[in-house]
Amino acid sequence: MVNLITNQFFIGFCINFILIYIFCKTPLMTKGGWISAGILGTLLWGCLSWQGWMSVVIYLLFGSLVTKIGFKFKKEQGIAEKRGGRRGPENVWGSAATGLFLAMMTKFNADNILLFRIGFAASFTAKLADTFGSEIGKRFGKDTYLITSLKKVERGTEGGVSLEGTLASILGSIFMAFVMLCLSIISTKSHFIVVAVSGFLATLSESIIGAKFQNKYKLSNELVNAIQTSIASIFAIFSIILYSYFLN
């Protein structure tokens, strides 16, 4: 068993090293971002095999692509992601720390693997839902409202939501939950529903945190991302526990 686990981490390291060597010149990440992605990818492959690794690759790919939508417009408005949308190490770990922790827990607590996998799925579902909502909303949202008061605000305001962005968040949540289902990170329709709903609700909670606390307490976007993904995971795990309790 130890040799099998060691082999999985070694395979993950080799695959990530080769792919990053090939693609490191593409404008998806900074140098530090690529290094962080390599570490993340190696650990994910070792903990959740290729399925866990692939789910996060899909998240990173679609998150980066949606960031590029209307980038020129967002840059002119002063609301575009910094560095041309390239992810740095702080972006990688802010988005993935919760998911990585849960992935690693599958190796230390065999009795709760299902719950950890559901939490893992929910964390990345929430983050892609947030990215879809934020980037689509900033580009195509006609009217933006502060989620806590429904007062009309400028595009890009922390805690601001739009109809277009909200619909994009729902789409992102459903899409990422479906990816997790297809890759067998989660395995049933009930898991799919819980993960998708948890991801979307966590995105709404992130907007509330942005509106009420982010500027007041000078919270970084990366910290807010970590809080959001943690909320999604906790909500999904407890939902499954309650569902199982009442089912039995």
Protein backbone atom coordinates (compact mmCIF):
# COMPACT_ATOMS: atom_id res chain seq x y z
CA MET A 1 0.00 0.00 0.00
CA VAL A 2 2.81 2.42 0.91
CA ASN A 3 4.56 1.70 -2.38
CA LEU A 4 1.31 2.28 -4.29
CA ILE A 5 0.77 5.66 -2.62
CA THR A 6 4.41 6.65 -3.21
CA ASN A 7 4.10 5.65 -6.86
CA GLN A 8 0.99 7.81 -7.27
CA PHE A 9 2.80 10.89 -5.96
CA PHE A 10 5.80 10.15 -8.19
CA ILE A 11 3.56 9.73 -11.24
CA GLY A 12 1.80 12.99 -10.36
CA PHE A 13 5.12 14.81 -10.05
CA CYS A 14 6.37 13.55 -13.42
CA ILE A 15 3.17 14.39 -15.28
CA ASN A 16 2.93 17.86 -13.77
CA PHE A 17 6.61 18.58 -14.42
CA ILE A 18 6.29 17.60 -18.09
CA LEU A 19 3.06 19.51 -18.68
CA ILE A 20 4.26 22.66 -16.92
CA TYR A 21 7.52 22.53 -18.88
CA ILE A 22 5.48 22.42 -22.10
CA PHE A 23 2.86 25.03 -21.22
CA CYS A 24 4.68 27.41 -18.85
CA LYS A 25 5.01 30.02 -21.61
CA THR A 26 1.24 30.31 -22.04
CA PRO A 27 -0.23 33.40 -20.32
CA LEU A 28 -2.32 31.48 -17.78
CA MET A 29 -0.08 31.85 -14.73
CA THR A 30 2.96 33.63 -13.40
CA LYS A 31 6.17 31.68 -12.76
CA GLY A 32 5.22 31.36 -9.11
CA GLY A 33 1.73 30.33 -10.14
CA TRP A 34 3.07 27.48 -12.28
CA ILE A 35 5.28 26.25 -9.44
CA SER A 36 2.34 26.32 -7.04
CA ALA A 37 0.16 24.55 -9.61
CA GLY A 38 2.83 21.85 -9.94
CA ILE A 39 2.89 21.26 -6.18
CA LEU A 40 -0.91 21.27 -6.04
CA GLY A 41 -1.20 18.91 -8.99
CA THR A 42 1.32 16.46 -7.56
CA LEU A 43 -0.46 16.29 -4.21
CA LEU A 44 -3.88 15.95 -5.82
CA TRP A 45 -2.75 13.10 -8.08
CA GLY A 46 -1.24 11.34 -5.07
CA CYS A 47 -4.40 11.74 -2.99
CA LEU A 48 -7.25 11.46 -5.51
CA SER A 49 -5.47 9.95 -8.51
CA TRP A 50 -5.94 11.35 -12.01
CA GLN A 51 -9.63 12.11 -11.45
CA GLY A 52 -8.95 14.64 -8.69
CA TRP A 53 -6.10 16.14 -10.71
CA MET A 54 -8.22 16.38 -13.86
CA SER A 55 -11.10 18.06 -12.02
CA VAL A 56 -8.83 20.88 -10.90
CA VAL A 57 -7.21 21.18 -14.34
CA ILE A 58 -10.71 21.68 -15.77
CA TYR A 59 -11.47 24.23 -13.07
CA LEU A 60 -8.28 26.17 -13.82
CA LEU A 61 -8.84 26.01 -17.57
CA PHE A 62 -12.43 27.24 -17.52
CA GLY A 63 -11.69 29.78 -14.79
CA SER A 64 -8.88 31.23 -16.89
CA LEU A 65 -10.95 31.22 -20.07
CA VAL A 66 -13.92 33.02 -18.53
CA THR A 67 -11.53 35.62 -17.08
CA LYS A 68 -10.44 36.43 -20.63
CA ILE A 69 -14.01 37.10 -21.80
CA GLY A 70 -14.38 40.81 -22.44
CA PHE A 71 -10.99 41.44 -20.84
CA LYS A 72 -10.34 44.59 -22.89
CA PHE A 73 -13.63 46.09 -21.72
CA LYS A 74 -12.98 45.16 -18.10
CA LYS A 75 -9.48 46.62 -18.29
CA GLU A 76 -10.85 49.90 -19.64
CA GLN A 77 -13.30 49.99 -16.74
CA GLY A 78 -10.51 49.31 -14.25
CA ILE A 79 -12.13 46.10 -13.01
CA ALA A 80 -10.04 43.46 -14.81
CA GLU A 81 -7.95 40.90 -12.99
CA LYS A 82 -4.37 42.04 -12.43
CA ARG A 83 -1.47 40.70 -14.52
CA GLY A 84 -3.72 40.23 -17.53
CA GLY A 85 -5.69 37.55 -15.74
CA ARG A 86 -2.66 35.35 -15.05
CA ARG A 87 -2.88 33.43 -11.77
CA GLY A 88 -0.16 33.83 -9.18
CA PRO A 89 0.61 31.56 -6.20
CA GLU A 90 -1.77 33.52 -3.98
CA ASN A 91 -4.60 32.84 -6.42
CA VAL A 92 -3.78 29.14 -6.62
CA TRP A 93 -3.66 28.59 -2.86
CA GLY A 94 -6.54 30.92 -2.04
CA SER A 95 -8.75 28.90 -4.35
CA ALA A 96 -7.35 25.42 -3.68
CA ALA A 97 -6.24 25.29 -0.03
CA THR A 98 -9.56 23.97 1.25
CA GLY A 99 -9.89 21.40 -1.51
CA LEU A 100 -6.30 20.22 -1.07
CA PHE A 101 -6.79 19.82 2.67
CA LEU A 102 -9.86 17.64 2.11
CA ALA A 103 -8.07 15.63 -0.59
CA MET A 104 -5.20 14.94 1.82
CA MET A 105 -7.65 13.93 4.53
CA THR A 106 -8.81 11.04 2.35
CA LYS A 107 -5.41 9.47 3.01
CA PHE A 108 -5.60 9.90 6.80
CA ASN A 109 -9.22 9.05 7.58
CA ALA A 110 -10.53 6.16 5.50
CA ASP A 111 -13.86 6.08 7.37
CA ASN A 112 -14.93 9.47 5.99
CA ILE A 113 -13.54 9.38 2.46
CA LEU A 114 -16.98 9.98 0.93
CA LEU A 115 -17.53 13.14 2.99
CA PHE A 116 -14.08 14.47 2.19
CA ARG A 117 -14.59 13.87 -1.53
CA ILE A 118 -17.96 15.66 -1.43
CA GLY A 119 -16.35 18.57 0.42
CA PHE A 120 -13.53 18.63 -2.13
CA ALA A 121 -16.03 18.74 -5.00
CA ALA A 122 -18.06 21.49 -3.35
CA SER A 123 -15.00 23.70 -2.76
CA PHE A 124 -14.01 23.83 -6.42
CA THR A 125 -17.62 24.05 -7.54
CA ALA A 126 -18.03 27.14 -5.39
CA LYS A 127 -14.87 28.72 -6.78
CA LEU A 128 -15.78 28.17 -10.41
CA ALA A 129 -19.31 29.47 -9.72
CA ASP A 130 -17.77 32.59 -8.17
CA THR A 131 -15.41 33.09 -11.11
CA PHE A 132 -18.19 32.64 -13.65
CA GLY A 133 -20.46 35.06 -11.80
CA SER A 134 -17.79 37.68 -11.22
CA GLU A 135 -16.27 37.71 -14.70
CA ILE A 136 -19.53 37.42 -16.65
CA GLY A 137 -21.24 39.91 -14.38
CA LYS A 138 -18.47 42.49 -14.76
CA ARG A 139 -18.65 42.24 -18.52
CA PHE A 140 -22.33 41.70 -19.30
CA GLY A 141 -24.19 42.74 -16.16
CA LYS A 142 -26.50 45.63 -17.05
CA ASP A 143 -27.32 46.60 -13.48
CA THR A 144 -25.30 45.76 -10.38
CA TYR A 145 -26.76 45.80 -6.88
CA LEU A 146 -25.20 45.44 -3.45
CA ILE A 147 -26.41 42.07 -2.20
CA THR A 148 -27.05 43.27 1.36
CA SER A 149 -29.14 46.34 0.50
CA LEU A 150 -30.03 45.99 -3.21
CA LYS A 151 -28.65 49.49 -3.68
CA LYS A 152 -27.41 50.07 -7.22
CA VAL A 153 -23.60 50.17 -7.38
CA GLU A 154 -20.83 50.28 -9.96
CA ARG A 155 -19.57 47.16 -11.75
CA GLY A 156 -16.80 45.44 -9.82
CA THR A 157 -17.98 46.65 -6.41
CA GLU A 158 -17.25 44.11 -3.68
CA GLY A 159 -20.54 42.42 -2.83
CA GLY A 160 -22.18 43.60 -6.02
CA VAL A 161 -24.37 41.16 -7.93
CA SER A 162 -26.24 41.27 -11.23
CA LEU A 163 -28.85 39.07 -12.84
CA GLU A 164 -26.42 38.06 -15.57
CA GLY A 165 -23.67 37.27 -13.08
CA THR A 166 -26.02 35.30 -10.85
CA LEU A 167 -27.19 33.17 -13.76
CA ALA A 168 -23.55 32.61 -14.74
CA SER A 169 -22.81 31.49 -11.17
CA ILE A 170 -25.62 28.94 -11.34
CA LEU A 171 -24.26 27.69 -14.67
CA GLY A 172 -20.71 27.46 -13.29
CA SER A 173 -21.91 25.57 -10.23
CA ILE A 174 -23.91 23.06 -12.25
CA PHE A 175 -21.09 22.59 -14.74
CA MET A 176 -18.41 21.94 -12.10
CA ALA A 177 -20.66 19.60 -10.12
CA PHE A 178 -21.28 17.70 -13.35
CA VAL A 179 -17.54 17.45 -13.96
CA MET A 180 -17.11 16.01 -10.46
CA LEU A 181 -19.86 13.49 -11.16
CA CYS A 182 -18.37 12.46 -14.52
CA LEU A 183 -14.95 11.96 -12.92
CA SER A 184 -16.47 9.91 -10.08
CA ILE A 185 -15.30 12.30 -7.37
CA ILE A 186 -18.98 12.17 -6.39
CA SER A 187 -21.17 9.29 -7.41
CA THR A 188 -24.92 9.90 -7.08
CA LYS A 189 -27.56 12.40 -8.19
CA SER A 190 -28.08 13.48 -4.59
CA HIS A 191 -24.36 14.23 -4.28
CA PHE A 192 -24.55 16.23 -7.51
CA ILE A 193 -27.46 18.31 -6.22
CA VAL A 194 -25.82 18.95 -2.85
CA VAL A 195 -22.51 19.96 -4.43
CA ALA A 196 -24.13 22.25 -7.01
CA VAL A 197 -26.40 23.95 -4.46
CA SER A 198 -23.57 24.28 -1.93
CA GLY A 199 -21.34 25.89 -4.54
CA PHE A 200 -23.95 28.44 -5.49
CA LEU A 201 -24.95 29.28 -1.90
CA ALA A 202 -21.30 29.74 -0.97
CA THR A 203 -20.97 32.18 -3.87
CA LEU A 204 -23.83 34.23 -2.45
CA SER A 205 -22.18 34.11 0.96
CA GLU A 206 -18.95 35.37 -0.61
CA SER A 207 -20.84 38.38 -1.95
CA ILE A 208 -22.23 39.07 1.52
CA ILE A 209 -18.74 38.85 3.02
CA GLY A 210 -17.49 41.19 0.30
CA ALA A 211 -20.25 43.71 0.97
CA LYS A 212 -20.09 43.76 4.77
CA PHE A 213 -16.62 42.72 5.86
CA GLN A 214 -13.97 42.78 3.12
CA ASN A 215 -13.21 46.51 3.05
CA LYS A 216 -14.04 47.01 6.71
CA TYR A 217 -11.49 44.46 7.88
CA LYS A 218 -9.18 44.73 4.87
CA LEU A 219 -9.62 41.09 3.92
CA SER A 220 -7.66 39.98 0.87
CA ASN A 221 -9.46 38.38 -2.06
CA GLU A 222 -7.48 35.20 -1.44
CA LEU A 223 -8.65 34.97 2.17
CA VAL A 224 -12.24 35.56 1.09
CA ASN A 225 -11.83 32.80 -1.50
CA ALA A 226 -10.58 30.41 1.17
CA ILE A 227 -13.54 31.30 3.40
CA GLN A 228 -15.97 30.82 0.52
CA THR A 229 -14.63 27.40 -0.44
CA SER A 230 -14.66 26.34 3.21
CA ILE A 231 -18.30 27.40 3.56
CA ALA A 232 -19.20 25.34 0.48
CA SER A 233 -17.41 22.27 1.82
CA ILE A 234 -18.90 22.51 5.29
CA PHE A 235 -22.40 23.05 3.91
CA ALA A 236 -22.08 20.08 1.54
CA ILE A 237 -20.65 17.73 4.17
CA PHE A 238 -23.30 18.56 6.77
CA SER A 239 -26.05 18.32 4.15
CA ILE A 240 -24.95 14.77 3.29
CA ILE A 241 -24.72 13.85 6.99
CA LEU A 242 -28.25 15.14 7.62
CA TYR A 243 -29.55 13.46 4.46
CA SER A 244 -28.07 10.14 5.53
CA TYR A 245 -29.44 10.53 9.06
CA PHE A 246 -33.01 11.16 7.96
CA LEU A 247 -32.78 8.50 5.24
CA ASN A 248 -31.92 5.93 7.85
